[in-house]
N, C-alpha and C. Protein backbone atom coordinates (compact mmCIF):
# COMPACT_ATOMS: atom_id res chain seq x y z
N MET A 1 17.53 -0.05 -8.61
CA MET A 1 16.90 -1.82 -9.17
C MET A 1 15.49 -2.15 -8.65
N PRO A 2 14.47 -2.16 -9.01
CA PRO A 2 12.95 -2.21 -8.66
C PRO A 2 12.61 -3.45 -7.99
N ILE A 3 12.14 -3.24 -7.28
CA ILE A 3 11.55 -3.67 -5.98
C ILE A 3 9.71 -4.70 -6.16
N LEU A 4 9.91 -5.77 -6.52
CA LEU A 4 8.47 -6.11 -6.99
C LEU A 4 7.98 -6.84 -6.31
N THR A 5 7.02 -5.98 -5.69
CA THR A 5 5.82 -6.54 -4.40
C THR A 5 5.00 -7.46 -5.01
N LYS A 6 4.05 -8.09 -4.35
CA LYS A 6 2.75 -8.95 -3.92
C LYS A 6 1.43 -8.11 -3.42
N GLY A 7 0.67 -8.05 -3.84
CA GLY A 7 -0.53 -8.13 -2.78
C GLY A 7 -1.87 -7.69 -2.65
N ILE A 8 -2.92 -7.13 -2.74
CA ILE A 8 -4.94 -6.97 -3.09
C ILE A 8 -4.70 -5.80 -3.44
N ALA A 9 -5.60 -5.15 -4.11
CA ALA A 9 -5.69 -3.89 -5.26
C ALA A 9 -7.36 -3.39 -4.82
N VAL A 10 -8.04 -2.44 -4.62
CA VAL A 10 -9.84 -2.80 -4.29
C VAL A 10 -9.55 -0.89 -4.98
N GLU A 11 -10.44 -0.43 -5.99
CA GLU A 11 -10.56 0.11 -6.74
C GLU A 11 -12.10 0.53 -6.93
N VAL A 12 -12.32 1.82 -7.34
CA VAL A 12 -13.67 2.40 -7.55
C VAL A 12 -13.12 3.00 -8.80
N GLY A 13 -14.53 3.76 -9.98
CA GLY A 13 -14.34 4.74 -10.83
C GLY A 13 -15.90 4.80 -10.67
N TYR A 14 -15.38 5.59 -11.95
CA TYR A 14 -16.41 6.45 -12.49
C TYR A 14 -16.71 6.71 -14.40
N ARG A 15 -17.30 5.90 -14.92
CA ARG A 15 -16.84 5.41 -16.45
C ARG A 15 -17.91 6.33 -16.74
N HIS A 16 -18.44 7.26 -17.96
CA HIS A 16 -18.82 8.20 -19.24
C HIS A 16 -18.67 7.73 -20.13
N MET A 17 -19.99 8.00 -20.85
CA MET A 17 -20.21 7.47 -22.23
C MET A 17 -20.35 8.55 -23.07
N PHE A 18 -19.49 8.79 -24.53
CA PHE A 18 -19.42 9.87 -24.85
C PHE A 18 -20.65 9.44 -26.16
N VAL A 19 -20.28 8.39 -26.84
CA VAL A 19 -21.51 7.96 -26.97
C VAL A 19 -21.73 6.63 -28.01
N GLU A 20 -22.10 5.77 -27.94
CA GLU A 20 -22.99 3.79 -27.67
C GLU A 20 -21.29 3.62 -27.65
N SER A 21 -20.71 3.60 -28.76
CA SER A 21 -19.55 2.97 -29.20
C SER A 21 -18.17 3.49 -28.24
N LEU A 22 -18.44 4.56 -27.49
CA LEU A 22 -17.11 5.09 -26.80
C LEU A 22 -17.32 5.65 -25.46
N SER A 23 -16.08 4.99 -24.28
CA SER A 23 -16.61 5.36 -23.46
C SER A 23 -15.28 5.45 -21.97
N THR A 24 -15.01 6.47 -21.64
CA THR A 24 -13.77 6.49 -20.95
C THR A 24 -14.35 6.06 -19.28
N LYS A 25 -13.44 5.82 -18.80
CA LYS A 25 -13.19 5.67 -17.27
C LYS A 25 -11.89 6.06 -16.26
N LEU A 26 -12.27 7.54 -15.30
CA LEU A 26 -11.42 7.34 -14.36
C LEU A 26 -11.33 6.21 -12.99
N PHE A 27 -9.91 6.17 -12.71
CA PHE A 27 -10.77 5.54 -11.28
C PHE A 27 -9.33 5.48 -10.29
N LEU A 28 -9.54 4.86 -8.77
CA LEU A 28 -8.86 5.06 -8.34
C LEU A 28 -9.07 4.12 -7.09
N GLY A 29 -8.08 4.13 -6.69
CA GLY A 29 -7.49 2.43 -5.54
C GLY A 29 -6.68 2.41 -4.28
N ALA A 30 -6.59 1.97 -3.94
CA ALA A 30 -5.74 1.58 -2.34
C ALA A 30 -5.18 -0.05 -2.94
N TYR A 31 -3.65 -0.54 -2.75
CA TYR A 31 -2.81 -1.39 -3.06
C TYR A 31 -2.85 -2.05 -1.65
N ARG A 32 -2.80 -2.87 -1.56
CA ARG A 32 -2.00 -3.41 0.21
C ARG A 32 -1.38 -4.41 -0.07
N HIS A 33 0.40 -3.63 -0.77
CA HIS A 33 1.55 -4.41 -0.46
C HIS A 33 2.77 -5.34 0.62
N GLN A 34 3.05 -6.07 -0.07
CA GLN A 34 4.82 -6.58 0.73
C GLN A 34 5.24 -7.13 -0.66
N TYR A 35 6.72 -6.70 0.12
CA TYR A 35 7.98 -6.91 -0.62
C TYR A 35 9.15 -7.36 0.49
N LYS A 36 9.45 -8.39 -0.13
CA LYS A 36 10.86 -9.15 0.84
C LYS A 36 12.41 -9.36 -0.07
N ILE A 37 13.29 -8.56 0.27
CA ILE A 37 14.73 -8.68 -0.30
C ILE A 37 15.67 -9.30 0.96
N GLN A 38 15.95 -10.73 -0.19
CA GLN A 38 17.35 -10.49 0.37
C GLN A 38 18.15 -10.25 -0.30
N SER A 39 19.48 -10.06 0.63
CA SER A 39 21.28 -9.98 -0.23
C SER A 39 22.30 -10.99 -0.05
N SER A 40 22.84 -11.20 -0.39
CA SER A 40 24.38 -11.69 0.34
C SER A 40 25.35 -11.44 -0.04
N ILE A 41 26.25 -10.88 0.92
CA ILE A 41 27.32 -10.12 0.85
C ILE A 41 28.78 -11.30 0.74
N THR A 42 29.54 -10.67 0.70
CA THR A 42 31.14 -11.11 0.55
C THR A 42 31.62 -12.82 1.26
N ASP A 43 30.67 -11.90 3.04
CA ASP A 43 31.55 -12.61 3.51
C ASP A 43 30.56 -14.22 3.97
N GLY A 44 29.62 -14.20 2.91
CA GLY A 44 28.44 -14.71 3.28
C GLY A 44 27.08 -14.24 3.92
N ASP A 45 27.22 -13.96 4.95
CA ASP A 45 25.76 -12.70 5.63
C ASP A 45 24.76 -12.28 4.87
N VAL A 46 24.11 -12.76 5.10
CA VAL A 46 22.73 -12.18 4.51
C VAL A 46 22.10 -11.09 5.32
N LEU A 47 21.67 -10.01 4.90
CA LEU A 47 21.01 -8.92 4.35
C LEU A 47 19.42 -9.10 4.35
N GLU A 48 18.61 -8.48 5.17
CA GLU A 48 17.35 -9.22 4.88
C GLU A 48 16.45 -7.73 4.98
N HIS A 49 15.78 -7.22 4.13
CA HIS A 49 14.29 -5.81 4.70
C HIS A 49 12.82 -6.21 4.02
N LYS A 50 12.42 -6.13 4.72
CA LYS A 50 10.51 -6.70 4.64
C LYS A 50 10.00 -5.61 4.70
N ASP A 51 9.33 -5.19 3.91
CA ASP A 51 8.42 -3.74 4.33
C ASP A 51 6.36 -4.31 4.00
N SER A 52 5.78 -3.46 4.17
CA SER A 52 4.19 -3.64 3.94
C SER A 52 3.65 -2.50 3.69
N ALA A 53 3.08 -2.17 3.23
CA ALA A 53 2.20 -0.70 3.31
C ALA A 53 1.23 -1.00 2.85
N THR A 54 0.11 0.22 2.69
CA THR A 54 -1.21 0.84 1.79
C THR A 54 -0.59 1.86 1.10
N LYS A 55 -1.16 1.46 -0.09
CA LYS A 55 -0.66 2.95 -1.08
C LYS A 55 -1.56 3.19 -1.93
N PRO A 56 -2.40 4.52 -2.26
CA PRO A 56 -2.67 5.15 -4.05
C PRO A 56 -2.71 4.59 -4.87
N TYR A 57 -3.14 4.36 -5.78
CA TYR A 57 -3.26 4.59 -7.32
C TYR A 57 -4.02 4.98 -8.11
N VAL A 58 -4.27 5.76 -9.27
CA VAL A 58 -4.49 6.19 -10.29
C VAL A 58 -4.78 5.94 -11.69
N GLY A 59 -5.57 6.17 -12.12
CA GLY A 59 -5.17 5.82 -13.79
C GLY A 59 -6.73 5.95 -14.67
N ALA A 60 -6.81 5.65 -15.85
CA ALA A 60 -8.09 6.09 -16.47
C ALA A 60 -7.91 4.98 -17.72
N THR A 61 -8.76 4.61 -18.22
CA THR A 61 -9.40 3.73 -18.94
C THR A 61 -10.08 4.33 -20.45
N LEU A 62 -9.34 4.10 -22.00
CA LEU A 62 -11.02 4.56 -22.70
C LEU A 62 -11.16 3.25 -23.73
N GLY A 63 -12.30 3.35 -23.53
CA GLY A 63 -12.82 1.55 -24.50
C GLY A 63 -13.70 2.13 -25.86
N TYR A 64 -13.10 1.06 -26.03
CA TYR A 64 -14.07 1.22 -27.98
C TYR A 64 -14.28 0.04 -27.96
N SER A 65 -16.44 0.02 -28.30
CA SER A 65 -16.79 -1.31 -28.48
C SER A 65 -17.09 -1.77 -29.67
N VAL A 66 -17.00 -2.57 -29.94
CA VAL A 66 -17.04 -3.56 -31.43
C VAL A 66 -17.91 -3.88 -32.15
N SER A 67 -18.56 -4.20 -30.77
CA SER A 67 -19.97 -5.73 -30.94
C SER A 67 -20.76 -5.13 -29.41
N LYS A 68 -22.24 -5.86 -29.23
CA LYS A 68 -21.96 -5.75 -28.00
C LYS A 68 -21.96 -6.81 -26.66
N GLN A 69 -21.11 -7.64 -27.31
CA GLN A 69 -20.11 -8.61 -26.27
C GLN A 69 -18.54 -8.34 -26.14
N ALA A 70 -17.73 -7.11 -27.32
CA ALA A 70 -16.65 -7.25 -26.73
C ALA A 70 -16.27 -5.70 -27.04
N GLU A 71 -15.23 -5.23 -26.36
CA GLU A 71 -15.04 -3.91 -26.75
C GLU A 71 -13.10 -3.65 -26.42
N LEU A 72 -12.50 -2.82 -27.16
CA LEU A 72 -11.13 -2.86 -26.87
C LEU A 72 -11.24 -2.21 -26.36
N LEU A 73 -9.68 -2.38 -25.17
CA LEU A 73 -9.07 -1.41 -23.90
C LEU A 73 -7.95 -0.50 -24.49
N LEU A 74 -7.87 0.41 -23.26
CA LEU A 74 -6.31 0.90 -23.44
C LEU A 74 -6.64 1.90 -22.21
N LYS A 75 -5.55 1.31 -21.51
CA LYS A 75 -5.80 1.52 -20.18
C LYS A 75 -4.31 2.17 -19.34
N TYR A 76 -4.05 2.72 -18.53
CA TYR A 76 -3.25 3.66 -17.97
C TYR A 76 -3.34 3.49 -16.39
N THR A 77 -2.31 3.04 -15.36
CA THR A 77 -2.46 3.00 -14.18
C THR A 77 -0.93 3.68 -13.64
N TYR A 78 -1.23 4.28 -12.44
CA TYR A 78 0.20 4.87 -12.02
C TYR A 78 -0.19 4.38 -10.63
N TYR A 79 0.86 3.88 -10.30
CA TYR A 79 1.45 4.03 -8.60
C TYR A 79 2.17 4.39 -8.15
N LYS A 80 1.87 4.15 -6.77
CA LYS A 80 3.66 4.92 -5.87
C LYS A 80 3.53 3.77 -5.12
N VAL A 81 4.61 2.86 -5.15
CA VAL A 81 4.57 2.12 -3.94
C VAL A 81 6.05 1.76 -3.53
N SER A 82 6.29 1.97 -2.74
CA SER A 82 7.15 2.04 -1.75
C SER A 82 8.58 2.99 -2.31
N LYS A 83 9.74 2.01 -3.10
CA LYS A 83 10.49 3.09 -3.35
C LYS A 83 10.66 3.20 -4.87
N ASN A 84 9.43 2.44 -5.51
CA ASN A 84 9.29 2.48 -7.02
C ASN A 84 8.06 4.13 -7.20
N ASN A 85 8.07 4.10 -8.55
CA ASN A 85 6.70 4.87 -9.39
C ASN A 85 6.50 3.72 -9.95
N VAL A 86 5.80 3.44 -10.68
CA VAL A 86 5.00 2.75 -11.65
C VAL A 86 4.09 3.06 -12.50
N SER A 87 4.47 3.32 -13.53
CA SER A 87 3.60 2.51 -14.29
C SER A 87 3.30 1.99 -15.29
N GLU A 88 1.80 1.83 -16.15
CA GLU A 88 1.42 0.50 -16.48
C GLU A 88 0.71 1.18 -17.65
N LEU A 89 0.96 0.54 -18.77
CA LEU A 89 0.30 0.47 -20.15
C LEU A 89 -0.28 -0.83 -20.25
N LEU A 90 -1.67 -0.79 -20.47
CA LEU A 90 -2.39 -2.11 -20.91
C LEU A 90 -3.35 -1.87 -22.42
N ALA A 91 -3.10 -2.29 -22.94
CA ALA A 91 -4.15 -2.91 -23.63
C ALA A 91 -4.52 -4.19 -24.09
N GLY A 92 -6.08 -4.04 -24.32
CA GLY A 92 -6.91 -5.73 -24.22
C GLY A 92 -8.55 -5.36 -24.61
N ILE A 93 -8.95 -6.45 -24.67
CA ILE A 93 -10.29 -6.82 -24.77
C ILE A 93 -11.28 -7.31 -23.81
N LYS A 94 -11.74 -6.58 -24.04
CA LYS A 94 -12.99 -7.20 -22.25
C LYS A 94 -14.04 -8.01 -23.51
N VAL A 95 -14.52 -8.90 -22.55
CA VAL A 95 -15.36 -10.07 -23.65
C VAL A 95 -16.64 -10.10 -22.39
N HIS A 96 -17.69 -9.82 -22.98
CA HIS A 96 -18.92 -9.52 -22.46
C HIS A 96 -19.65 -11.34 -22.42
N PHE A 97 -20.06 -12.32 -21.27
CA PHE A 97 -20.67 -13.08 -21.62
C PHE A 97 -22.58 -12.33 -21.05
């Protein structure tokens, strides 16, 4: 069963422009998270487990500029969070104002 955490992250990265419209970014960060699990068993007792920790994460982003104000993104992030190994793949549009 996955453990769903909540928390805050800090990230640093290095962005490299291959050509004017294509870029990559490598990043690493720290994720301060916490979770609480409550389970009821047959006789009505409630079991509870809480944990919090700070764990590292890493990832990479590929960006393609479609205009001066818009960029298409493909981002992969890997988190090592307590009992879970979580991988995230994100596709999106970044708009500059």
